[in-house]
C-alpha cells in the first residue's frame, strides 16, 4: 500500500540518512538502477554476515595484477625450504631438484661458450642422451677431447703406417696358432718354402701343359697309394693261365714255382708211406721224441764293476724244459780283473755239486771252456766283486 510521509523537512531526511551512515560520498555510489542489482532474495543471512568482513575500503587493497611483495620472513622461508624427496611431477621444484645437481661454477664459464660452439646447438637437448647416460666414468673420458674431432681421420679414410710400424709388421714373429681363416694362418700354412725352390716358368713347357688335359676326373676319385685293390674277373683268370716262362726273373715267385713245383704232390710219399717206411727201420715214438733234445739251450748275464757287490751267477736248464739233460756244455766268460770261477751241476735246481773251479790272474775276454754234463741244471758263477763280469752258458747235445 502506498504511503505518504508528511511533516518531514529535508533536513530531517538528511539527518536520518546521516544517522544511518549514508554520507554524500556514499551517495555517489548510487549510480545504477536498483533493479539491475541482485534481488533481496540473493542476500541471505549467511551472506549478510560476510559484510562484517568489509573492515577496510576495497580500494585500500591491491588491485588484480598489482605488483606484490613478500614479508621478509616469507622470503627467507622459501629459500630455506627443504628439497622434498619426491617433488610434484612437472613442478619447478622437481626441475630444480633433478637438474640443479651441481654448482654453476663447476661448469664452463661464459668465456668458454664461443660463437662457434654456440653454432653447435643445432638440435633439441631432449633429442640427445639423457643425464643418466653420462656416468662419472664417461665424463672423465671427455678429457680425451684434446683436439677437434674433424682434425682426425674420418671413417674409411686412407691411412698410412709410420716407418717403424711398417718394419715391425714384417718383423712380427709367426704365431704357433694363427686365428683360423686369417691371412696370417694362410701365410703360415702355405708359404712354407722359398718360391725359388719351386719349379720356374721355364719348367712349364707346352708339352707339360698339354698333359693337364689328362686331368679328366678328380684325383680323389682314384685309389690312394697303398689302398686295397681288386682285380677284374678276367684278370684273375689270366694270372693262372699265364704260361710258365723259360727263364723267370731270378728270385721271383715265378722262378720258385717253376723250379720247385716240378712234380705232382701225389707223386711224393704220403705221411702213411713215410710212417710205414720208418716203422720198418725200427723208428719208434720214443725214439722220435728224443729228436726234441737236439738243439741248443742258452742263458747269459753280465754285471758292471760299479754294480758288482755279490759277483755273478748264470744258471741253465739244459733240457730246455723237456726233462732230459744235455751232455755237452760250453761256457763263454769274461772278467775285468783277477777272479775265481765255479762250474756246478744240480738235479733239482736246489742242491748243487761242484764240478770245476779255477782262477784268472787278470783281465780275460770271451774265453771258452767245455764240460761233459750229467745233470739237468748247470750253473757258472764267480763270487768276485768290484769287476766287470759276463757269462754265457750253452747246452749243445
Protein backbone atom coordinates (compact mmCIF):
# COMPACT_ATOMS: atom_id res chain seq x y z
CA UNK A 1 0.00 0.00 0.00
CA UNK A 2 1.46 3.37 -0.91
CA UNK A 3 2.00 5.73 1.91
CA UNK A 4 2.91 9.33 2.28
CA UNK A 5 5.48 10.79 4.58
CA UNK A 6 4.29 14.15 5.75
CA UNK A 7 5.50 16.64 8.17
CA UNK A 8 9.23 15.86 7.49
CA UNK A 9 11.59 18.55 6.39
CA UNK A 10 14.64 17.93 4.06
CA UNK A 11 16.91 18.45 6.97
CA UNK A 12 15.10 15.72 8.83
CA UNK A 13 15.64 13.30 6.00
CA UNK A 14 19.31 14.21 5.76
CA UNK A 15 19.68 13.83 9.49
CA UNK A 16 18.05 10.40 9.37
CA UNK A 17 20.32 9.30 6.50
CA UNK A 18 23.42 10.58 8.24
CA UNK A 19 22.44 8.64 11.32
CA UNK A 20 22.46 5.50 9.18
CA UNK A 21 25.92 6.30 7.71
CA UNK A 22 24.74 7.45 4.29
CA UNK A 23 27.16 10.23 3.52
CA UNK A 24 27.44 12.38 0.40
CA UNK A 25 30.44 10.25 -0.67
CA UNK A 26 28.40 7.10 -0.44
CA UNK A 27 25.51 8.72 -2.25
CA UNK A 28 27.70 8.88 -5.38
CA UNK A 29 27.71 5.09 -5.41
CA UNK A 30 24.01 5.09 -6.32
CA UNK A 31 24.99 5.14 -10.00
CA UNK A 32 22.75 2.40 -11.30
CA UNK A 33 19.14 1.29 -11.06
CA UNK A 34 18.42 -0.90 -8.10
CA UNK A 35 16.66 -3.36 -10.45
CA UNK A 36 19.96 -4.01 -12.15
CA UNK A 37 21.35 -5.37 -8.91
CA UNK A 38 20.81 -8.65 -7.13
CA UNK A 39 17.36 -9.14 -5.64
CA UNK A 40 16.77 -9.20 -1.89
CA UNK A 41 16.44 -12.96 -2.09
CA UNK A 42 20.14 -13.19 -3.02
CA UNK A 43 21.14 -11.57 0.26
CA UNK A 44 20.89 -14.43 2.70
CA UNK A 45 21.69 -14.27 6.40
CA UNK A 46 24.93 -16.15 5.72
CA UNK A 47 25.92 -13.65 3.07
CA UNK A 48 24.86 -10.69 5.20
CA UNK A 49 27.24 -11.92 7.93
CA UNK A 50 30.07 -11.72 5.50
CA UNK A 51 29.54 -7.98 5.19
CA UNK A 52 31.27 -7.81 8.55
CA UNK A 53 34.47 -8.70 6.68
CA UNK A 54 34.32 -5.33 4.91
CA UNK A 55 36.52 -3.79 7.60
CA UNK A 56 38.50 -1.69 5.18
CA UNK A 57 37.90 0.05 1.87
CA UNK A 58 38.36 -2.31 -1.06
CA UNK A 59 40.45 0.38 -2.75
CA UNK A 60 42.94 0.06 0.08
CA UNK A 61 43.70 -3.45 -1.10
CA UNK A 62 45.82 -4.47 -4.10
CA UNK A 63 44.09 -4.34 -7.44
CA UNK A 64 44.12 -7.51 -9.64
CA UNK A 65 47.57 -7.92 -11.26
CA UNK A 66 49.21 -5.35 -8.98
CA UNK A 67 52.84 -5.92 -8.04
CA UNK A 68 53.09 -7.61 -4.64
CA UNK A 69 55.91 -8.27 -2.21
CA UNK A 70 56.55 -10.93 0.42
CA UNK A 71 57.29 -10.34 4.04
CA UNK A 72 60.97 -10.69 4.92
CA UNK A 73 60.35 -13.91 6.85
CA UNK A 74 58.36 -15.41 3.99
CA UNK A 75 61.17 -14.72 1.55
CA UNK A 76 63.70 -16.39 3.81
CA UNK A 77 61.40 -19.35 4.45
CA UNK A 78 61.05 -20.01 0.71
CA UNK A 79 64.79 -20.39 0.18
CA UNK A 80 65.20 -22.38 3.39
CA UNK A 81 62.52 -24.85 2.34
CA UNK A 82 63.96 -28.37 2.38
CA UNK A 83 64.14 -30.09 -1.02
CA UNK A 84 61.41 -32.78 -0.91
CA UNK A 85 62.26 -36.40 -1.71
CA UNK A 86 59.56 -36.59 -4.37
CA UNK A 87 58.55 -33.14 -5.69
CA UNK A 88 55.27 -32.77 -7.55
CA UNK A 89 55.72 -34.07 -11.06
CA UNK A 90 56.13 -31.24 -13.60
CA UNK A 91 56.72 -28.60 -10.92
CA UNK A 92 59.55 -26.05 -10.68
CA UNK A 93 60.65 -27.85 -7.53
CA UNK A 94 61.00 -31.12 -9.40
CA UNK A 95 63.05 -29.47 -12.15
CA UNK A 96 65.34 -27.74 -9.65
CA UNK A 97 65.84 -30.97 -7.68
CA UNK A 98 66.57 -33.11 -10.71
CA UNK A 99 68.63 -30.68 -12.80
CA UNK A 100 70.27 -28.20 -10.43
CA UNK A 101 72.55 -31.01 -9.15
CA UNK A 102 75.94 -29.28 -9.35
CA UNK A 103 77.29 -25.75 -8.79
CA UNK A 104 77.26 -23.48 -11.83
CA UNK A 105 80.91 -22.60 -11.14
CA UNK A 106 81.81 -26.23 -11.83
CA UNK A 107 80.56 -25.83 -15.40
CA UNK A 108 82.32 -23.93 -18.23
CA UNK A 109 82.25 -20.11 -17.89
CA UNK A 110 80.69 -17.69 -20.34
CA UNK A 111 84.09 -17.20 -21.96
CA UNK A 112 84.07 -20.88 -22.88
CA UNK A 113 80.90 -20.57 -24.90
CA UNK A 114 82.09 -19.00 -28.16
CA UNK A 115 80.02 -18.24 -31.21
CA UNK A 116 81.47 -21.31 -32.90
CA UNK A 117 80.40 -23.51 -30.02
CA UNK A 118 77.01 -21.90 -29.88
CA UNK A 119 76.59 -22.86 -33.53
CA UNK A 120 76.73 -26.50 -32.46
CA UNK A 121 73.46 -26.10 -30.53
CA UNK A 122 71.55 -27.28 -33.61
CA UNK A 123 69.19 -29.79 -32.02
CA UNK A 124 66.89 -30.07 -29.01
CA UNK A 125 68.63 -31.20 -25.83
CA UNK A 126 65.84 -33.76 -25.33
CA UNK A 127 66.94 -35.47 -28.58
CA UNK A 128 70.36 -36.22 -27.09
CA UNK A 129 71.44 -38.77 -24.48
CA UNK A 130 69.95 -38.20 -21.04
CA UNK A 131 71.88 -37.34 -17.87
CA UNK A 132 71.69 -41.00 -16.87
CA UNK A 133 73.87 -41.82 -19.86
CA UNK A 134 76.64 -39.53 -18.65
CA UNK A 135 78.28 -41.51 -15.84
CA UNK A 136 81.35 -40.36 -13.90
CA UNK A 137 83.43 -42.85 -15.88
CA UNK A 138 82.17 -41.42 -19.19
CA UNK A 139 82.55 -37.85 -18.02
CA UNK A 140 86.25 -38.49 -17.31
CA UNK A 141 86.66 -39.55 -20.93
CA UNK A 142 85.77 -36.03 -22.06
CA UNK A 143 89.34 -35.14 -21.03
CA UNK A 144 90.41 -37.11 -24.08
CA UNK A 145 88.80 -34.49 -26.36
CA UNK A 146 92.06 -32.53 -26.64
CA UNK A 147 91.67 -31.79 -30.33
CA UNK A 148 88.84 -31.16 -32.77
CA UNK A 149 87.31 -34.41 -33.99
CA UNK A 150 87.40 -33.01 -37.54
CA UNK A 151 91.21 -32.91 -37.24
CA UNK A 152 91.27 -36.73 -37.04
CA UNK A 153 90.80 -39.23 -39.86
CA UNK A 154 87.21 -39.86 -40.90
CA UNK A 155 85.89 -43.45 -41.02
CA UNK A 156 87.21 -45.23 -44.10
CA UNK A 157 89.82 -42.56 -44.81
CA UNK A 158 93.04 -43.75 -46.42
CA UNK A 159 95.72 -44.16 -43.76
CA UNK A 160 99.43 -44.88 -43.73
CA UNK A 161 101.71 -46.55 -41.21
CA UNK A 162 104.73 -44.97 -39.61
CA UNK A 163 108.05 -46.29 -40.93
CA UNK A 164 108.71 -48.16 -37.70
CA UNK A 165 105.25 -49.74 -37.76
CA UNK A 166 105.79 -50.98 -41.31
CA UNK A 167 109.07 -52.58 -40.33
CA UNK A 168 107.56 -54.10 -37.18
CA UNK A 169 104.74 -55.60 -39.27
CA UNK A 170 107.16 -57.67 -41.35
CA UNK A 171 109.33 -58.50 -38.33
CA UNK A 172 106.35 -59.88 -36.37
CA UNK A 173 107.07 -63.43 -35.21
CA UNK A 174 104.84 -66.08 -36.83
CA UNK A 175 102.45 -67.32 -34.10
CA UNK A 176 102.16 -71.00 -33.33
CA UNK A 177 98.38 -70.97 -33.85
CA UNK A 178 97.17 -68.07 -36.04
CA UNK A 179 93.47 -67.15 -35.99
CA UNK A 180 91.51 -69.64 -38.09
CA UNK A 181 90.64 -68.21 -41.50
CA UNK A 182 93.08 -65.28 -41.21
CA UNK A 183 95.69 -64.09 -43.72
CA UNK A 184 98.30 -64.98 -41.10
CA UNK A 185 97.06 -68.56 -40.98
CA UNK A 186 97.19 -68.89 -44.75
CA UNK A 187 100.72 -67.46 -44.94
CA UNK A 188 101.94 -69.74 -42.10
CA UNK A 189 100.39 -72.90 -43.54
CA UNK A 190 101.01 -72.35 -47.24
CA UNK A 191 104.04 -70.08 -47.59
CA UNK A 192 106.21 -72.87 -46.13
CA UNK A 193 109.04 -72.96 -48.66
CA UNK A 194 111.03 -70.49 -50.76
CA UNK A 195 109.35 -69.74 -54.08
CA UNK A 196 112.78 -70.10 -55.71
CA UNK A 197 112.73 -73.73 -54.58
CA UNK A 198 109.66 -74.43 -56.73
CA UNK A 199 109.54 -75.03 -60.48
CA UNK A 200 110.21 -71.90 -62.56
CA UNK A 201 108.25 -70.67 -65.56
CA UNK A 202 110.63 -72.44 -67.92
CA UNK A 203 109.74 -75.75 -66.27
CA UNK A 204 106.17 -75.46 -67.51
CA UNK A 205 106.55 -76.33 -71.19
CA UNK A 206 103.79 -76.63 -73.78
CA UNK A 207 104.16 -80.41 -73.68
CA UNK A 208 103.67 -80.50 -69.93
CA UNK A 209 100.77 -78.07 -70.15
CA UNK A 210 99.08 -80.42 -72.64
CA UNK A 211 99.19 -83.18 -70.04
CA UNK A 212 96.77 -81.21 -67.90
CA UNK A 213 94.12 -82.44 -70.35
CA UNK A 214 94.56 -85.85 -68.72
CA UNK A 215 93.02 -84.48 -65.51
CA UNK A 216 89.53 -85.56 -66.60
CA UNK A 217 88.42 -86.66 -63.13
CA UNK A 218 89.03 -85.60 -59.55
CA UNK A 219 92.22 -87.16 -58.18
CA UNK A 220 90.32 -88.06 -55.02
CA UNK A 221 88.06 -90.29 -57.15
CA UNK A 222 91.06 -92.53 -57.86
CA UNK A 223 92.63 -95.06 -55.49
CA UNK A 224 95.07 -93.63 -52.93
CA UNK A 225 98.61 -95.06 -52.74
CA UNK A 226 98.54 -98.35 -50.84
CA UNK A 227 94.75 -98.65 -50.99
CA UNK A 228 93.33 -102.18 -51.14
CA UNK A 229 92.60 -103.04 -54.79
CA UNK A 230 90.89 -105.90 -56.58
CA UNK A 231 91.35 -107.43 -59.99
CA UNK A 232 88.71 -107.85 -62.64
CA UNK A 233 87.45 -111.43 -63.00
CA UNK A 234 89.22 -111.83 -66.34
CA UNK A 235 92.49 -110.57 -64.92
CA UNK A 236 92.37 -113.12 -62.10
CA UNK A 237 91.80 -115.93 -64.59
CA UNK A 238 94.59 -114.65 -66.83
CA UNK A 239 97.11 -114.85 -63.97
CA UNK A 240 96.61 -118.60 -63.53
CA UNK A 241 96.55 -119.14 -67.28
CA UNK A 242 99.88 -117.35 -67.71
CA UNK A 243 102.39 -119.62 -69.45
CA UNK A 244 105.41 -120.57 -67.32
CA UNK A 245 108.32 -118.59 -68.81
CA UNK A 246 111.50 -120.32 -69.84
CA UNK A 247 113.65 -118.05 -67.66
CA UNK A 248 111.68 -116.43 -64.83
CA UNK A 249 113.18 -113.41 -63.06
CA UNK A 250 115.76 -114.55 -60.57
CA UNK A 251 114.41 -114.54 -57.01
CA UNK A 252 110.79 -114.21 -58.12
CA UNK A 253 107.81 -116.29 -57.05
CA UNK A 254 107.55 -117.43 -60.64
CA UNK A 255 111.10 -118.79 -60.54
CA UNK A 256 110.42 -120.68 -57.31
CA UNK A 257 107.21 -122.21 -58.68
CA UNK A 258 108.93 -123.21 -61.94
CA UNK A 259 112.00 -124.73 -60.30
CA UNK A 260 110.42 -126.41 -57.27
CA UNK A 261 106.82 -127.24 -58.18
CA UNK A 262 108.13 -129.64 -60.84
CA UNK A 263 106.10 -132.73 -59.97
CA UNK A 264 102.61 -133.61 -58.73
CA UNK A 265 102.33 -133.67 -54.96
CA UNK A 266 100.56 -137.05 -55.25
CA UNK A 267 103.75 -138.45 -56.76
CA UNK A 268 105.50 -137.88 -53.44
CA UNK A 269 105.28 -140.08 -50.34
CA UNK A 270 102.27 -139.53 -48.10
CA UNK A 271 102.53 -139.44 -44.29
CA UNK A 272 101.31 -143.03 -44.23
CA UNK A 273 104.01 -144.06 -46.68
CA UNK A 274 106.67 -142.37 -44.54
CA UNK A 275 105.35 -143.99 -41.35
CA UNK A 276 105.42 -147.42 -42.96
CA UNK A 277 108.99 -146.95 -44.10
CA UNK A 278 110.16 -145.68 -40.66
CA UNK A 279 108.43 -148.49 -38.81
CA UNK A 280 110.36 -150.91 -40.96
CA UNK A 281 113.59 -149.27 -39.86
CA UNK A 282 112.83 -149.53 -36.11
CA UNK A 283 111.90 -145.88 -35.59
CA UNK A 284 109.51 -145.70 -32.62
CA UNK A 285 107.60 -142.79 -30.98
CA UNK A 286 110.00 -142.88 -28.03
CA UNK A 287 112.97 -142.62 -30.29
CA UNK A 288 111.38 -139.82 -32.28
CA UNK A 289 110.74 -137.87 -29.03
CA UNK A 290 114.45 -137.80 -28.43
CA UNK A 291 114.85 -135.65 -31.53
CA UNK A 292 113.33 -132.83 -29.44
CA UNK A 293 116.51 -132.82 -27.41
CA UNK A 294 118.59 -131.86 -30.43
CA UNK A 295 119.28 -128.15 -30.37
CA UNK A 296 120.72 -125.54 -28.03
CA UNK A 297 119.62 -124.07 -24.73
CA UNK A 298 121.28 -120.78 -23.82
CA UNK A 299 121.33 -118.32 -20.94
CA UNK A 300 123.61 -115.35 -20.27
CA UNK A 301 124.18 -112.49 -17.85
CA UNK A 302 126.58 -109.66 -17.01
CA UNK A 303 127.31 -107.10 -14.31
CA UNK A 304 129.36 -103.88 -14.43
CA UNK A 305 132.09 -103.25 -11.88
CA UNK A 306 130.19 -100.32 -10.29
CA UNK A 307 127.18 -102.52 -9.54
CA UNK A 308 129.03 -105.75 -8.72
CA UNK A 309 128.63 -106.24 -4.99
CA UNK A 310 127.80 -110.00 -4.95
CA UNK A 311 129.52 -111.45 -8.00
CA UNK A 312 127.62 -113.09 -10.90
CA UNK A 313 125.80 -116.44 -11.40
CA UNK A 314 124.23 -117.72 -14.67
CA UNK A 315 122.05 -120.87 -14.44
CA UNK A 316 120.62 -123.03 -17.26
CA UNK A 317 118.04 -125.81 -17.52
CA UNK A 318 119.96 -127.91 -20.06
CA UNK A 319 116.88 -129.93 -21.01
CA UNK A 320 115.11 -126.90 -22.40
CA UNK A 321 112.15 -127.86 -20.18
CA UNK A 322 111.85 -131.39 -21.62
CA UNK A 323 113.43 -133.08 -18.59
CA UNK A 324 116.31 -134.75 -20.44
CA UNK A 325 119.75 -133.28 -19.60
CA UNK A 326 122.06 -132.30 -22.44
CA UNK A 327 125.54 -133.74 -22.04
CA UNK A 328 127.77 -131.08 -23.63
CA UNK A 329 128.08 -127.65 -22.00
CA UNK A 330 130.00 -124.69 -23.45
CA UNK A 331 130.78 -121.61 -21.29
CA UNK A 332 132.00 -118.25 -22.59
CA UNK A 333 133.27 -115.93 -19.85
CA UNK A 334 134.91 -112.50 -19.48
CA UNK A 335 136.33 -110.82 -16.37
CA UNK A 336 137.61 -107.33 -15.72
CA UNK A 337 140.36 -108.47 -13.34
CA UNK A 338 141.62 -111.33 -11.17
CA UNK A 339 138.70 -113.64 -10.33
CA UNK A 340 137.71 -117.16 -9.24
CA UNK A 341 135.13 -119.20 -11.19
CA UNK A 342 132.97 -122.25 -10.39
CA UNK A 343 131.13 -124.78 -12.62
CA UNK A 344 128.33 -126.64 -10.77
CA UNK A 345 125.50 -129.13 -11.55
CA UNK A 346 122.17 -130.00 -9.92
CA UNK A 347 119.29 -132.43 -10.48
CA UNK A 348 116.66 -130.33 -8.67
CA UNK A 349 117.99 -126.76 -9.06
CA UNK A 350 118.42 -126.66 -5.24
CA UNK A 351 121.28 -128.97 -4.27
CA UNK A 352 124.40 -128.05 -6.24
CA UNK A 353 127.55 -130.10 -6.82
CA UNK A 354 130.89 -128.52 -7.69
CA UNK A 355 132.38 -129.93 -10.87
CA UNK A 356 135.19 -127.43 -11.50
CA UNK A 357 136.86 -124.35 -10.08
CA UNK A 358 139.66 -122.16 -11.42
CA UNK A 359 141.08 -118.66 -11.21
CA UNK A 360 142.22 -115.99 -13.67
CA UNK A 361 145.08 -113.68 -12.65
CA UNK A 362 143.90 -110.69 -14.69
CA UNK A 363 141.55 -109.44 -17.35
CA UNK A 364 140.11 -112.09 -19.71
CA UNK A 365 137.67 -111.64 -22.59
CA UNK A 366 135.41 -114.16 -24.33
CA UNK A 367 137.25 -117.26 -23.23
CA UNK A 368 135.60 -120.65 -23.91
CA UNK A 369 135.60 -123.75 -21.70
CA UNK A 370 133.65 -127.01 -22.21
CA UNK A 371 132.19 -129.58 -19.84
CA UNK A 372 130.56 -133.02 -20.08
CA UNK A 373 127.29 -132.91 -18.12
CA UNK A 374 125.05 -135.47 -16.47
CA UNK A 375 122.77 -133.09 -14.55
CA UNK A 376 119.65 -131.34 -15.78
CA UNK A 377 120.72 -127.98 -14.25
CA UNK A 378 124.10 -126.32 -14.75
CA UNK A 379 125.44 -123.01 -13.43
CA UNK A 380 128.58 -120.98 -13.85
CA UNK A 381 129.44 -118.40 -11.21
CA UNK A 382 132.07 -116.10 -9.72
CA UNK A 383 131.85 -114.62 -6.20
CA UNK A 384 134.45 -111.96 -7.11
CA UNK A 385 133.11 -108.41 -6.65
CA UNK A 386 134.10 -104.95 -7.94
CA UNK A 387 134.97 -106.04 -11.52
CA UNK A 388 133.10 -106.44 -14.82
CA UNK A 389 131.77 -110.00 -15.33
CA UNK A 390 129.97 -111.53 -18.30
CA UNK A 391 128.94 -115.23 -18.77
CA UNK A 392 127.12 -117.21 -21.46
CA UNK A 393 126.18 -120.87 -20.80
CA UNK A 394 125.12 -123.02 -23.77
CA UNK A 395 123.88 -126.69 -23.67
CA UNK A 396 124.58 -128.34 -27.02
CA UNK A 397 123.73 -132.08 -27.05
